[in-house]
């Protein structure tokens, strides 16, 4: 199944600055693979409160905040990428 990844403007700027586009895309692919039931070791957490419906994926100092449209199985929207979020 083919998924579309949409990045916010801030996320795209961060990609350009840090040159990490491939790394982030690979981590999001791993998450989608894990949702299909495969055993992949990634640090992902469902967020609560104001961020309900979003996920946080951690890779080293990098944090990827994103949501997934599981109903239509169309897209992953990465809304924020940072190494200074927490």
Protein backbone atom coordinates (compact mmCIF):
# COMPACT_ATOMS: atom_id res chain seq x y z
CA UNK A 1 0.00 0.00 0.00
CA UNK A 2 1.27 3.45 -0.88
CA UNK A 3 1.20 6.22 1.71
CA UNK A 4 1.69 9.94 1.20
CA UNK A 5 3.82 11.91 3.65
CA UNK A 6 2.98 15.60 3.98
CA UNK A 7 5.33 17.88 5.90
CA UNK A 8 4.58 21.25 7.44
CA UNK A 9 6.53 24.26 6.26
CA UNK A 10 8.50 24.29 9.53
CA UNK A 11 9.37 20.62 9.08
CA UNK A 12 10.60 21.21 5.51
CA UNK A 13 12.78 24.10 6.69
CA UNK A 14 14.22 21.92 9.43
CA UNK A 15 14.99 19.21 6.83
CA UNK A 16 16.92 21.67 4.72
CA UNK A 17 18.81 23.05 7.68
CA UNK A 18 19.75 19.67 9.18
CA UNK A 19 19.80 17.58 5.95
CA UNK A 20 17.77 14.73 7.50
CA UNK A 21 14.94 14.13 5.02
CA UNK A 22 15.93 10.51 4.26
CA UNK A 23 16.38 9.67 7.95
CA UNK A 24 12.92 10.98 8.89
CA UNK A 25 11.19 9.31 5.95
CA UNK A 26 12.78 5.97 6.89
CA UNK A 27 11.61 6.28 10.51
CA UNK A 28 8.05 7.03 9.37
CA UNK A 29 8.18 3.98 7.08
CA UNK A 30 9.27 1.85 10.03
CA UNK A 31 6.27 3.15 12.01
CA UNK A 32 3.87 2.22 9.22
CA UNK A 33 5.44 -1.22 8.97
CA UNK A 34 5.02 -1.66 12.73
CA UNK A 35 1.30 -0.77 12.47
CA UNK A 36 0.90 -3.72 10.09
CA UNK A 37 2.04 -6.04 12.86
CA UNK A 38 5.68 -6.55 12.01
CA UNK A 39 8.15 -6.61 14.88
CA UNK A 40 10.25 -3.45 14.45
CA UNK A 41 12.00 -1.72 17.30
CA UNK A 42 11.18 2.01 17.22
CA UNK A 43 10.45 4.48 20.00
CA UNK A 44 6.93 5.74 19.27
CA UNK A 45 4.29 7.01 21.66
CA UNK A 46 0.68 8.18 21.35
CA UNK A 47 0.36 11.69 22.68
CA UNK A 48 -2.33 12.88 25.11
CA UNK A 49 -4.11 16.09 26.02
CA UNK A 50 -3.91 18.89 23.45
CA UNK A 51 -1.87 16.58 21.20
CA UNK A 52 -4.42 13.74 21.22
CA UNK A 53 -4.44 11.97 17.85
CA UNK A 54 -0.73 12.63 17.25
CA UNK A 55 2.28 10.40 17.74
CA UNK A 56 5.81 11.17 18.86
CA UNK A 57 8.61 9.21 17.27
CA UNK A 58 12.04 9.54 18.87
CA UNK A 59 15.34 8.84 17.13
CA UNK A 60 18.31 10.01 19.19
CA UNK A 61 17.85 13.73 19.87
CA UNK A 62 15.33 14.05 17.04
CA UNK A 63 11.58 14.14 17.78
CA UNK A 64 9.02 13.72 15.03
CA UNK A 65 5.45 14.72 15.86
CA UNK A 66 2.94 13.40 13.34
CA UNK A 67 -0.57 12.12 12.76
CA UNK A 68 -1.78 9.35 10.49
CA UNK A 69 -4.99 9.08 8.46
CA UNK A 70 -5.71 5.39 9.12
CA UNK A 71 -9.33 5.69 7.92
CA UNK A 72 -8.40 6.45 4.32
CA UNK A 73 -4.90 4.97 4.59
CA UNK A 74 -3.70 7.89 2.54
CA UNK A 75 -1.29 9.98 4.48
CA UNK A 76 1.06 10.75 7.27
CA UNK A 77 1.30 14.40 8.22
CA UNK A 78 4.44 15.44 10.03
CA UNK A 79 3.67 18.66 11.76
CA UNK A 80 6.83 19.32 13.73
CA UNK A 81 10.39 18.13 13.71
CA UNK A 82 12.96 19.23 16.21
CA UNK A 83 15.91 18.23 18.26
CA UNK A 84 14.99 20.84 20.87
CA UNK A 85 11.34 20.01 21.58
CA UNK A 86 11.85 18.59 25.06
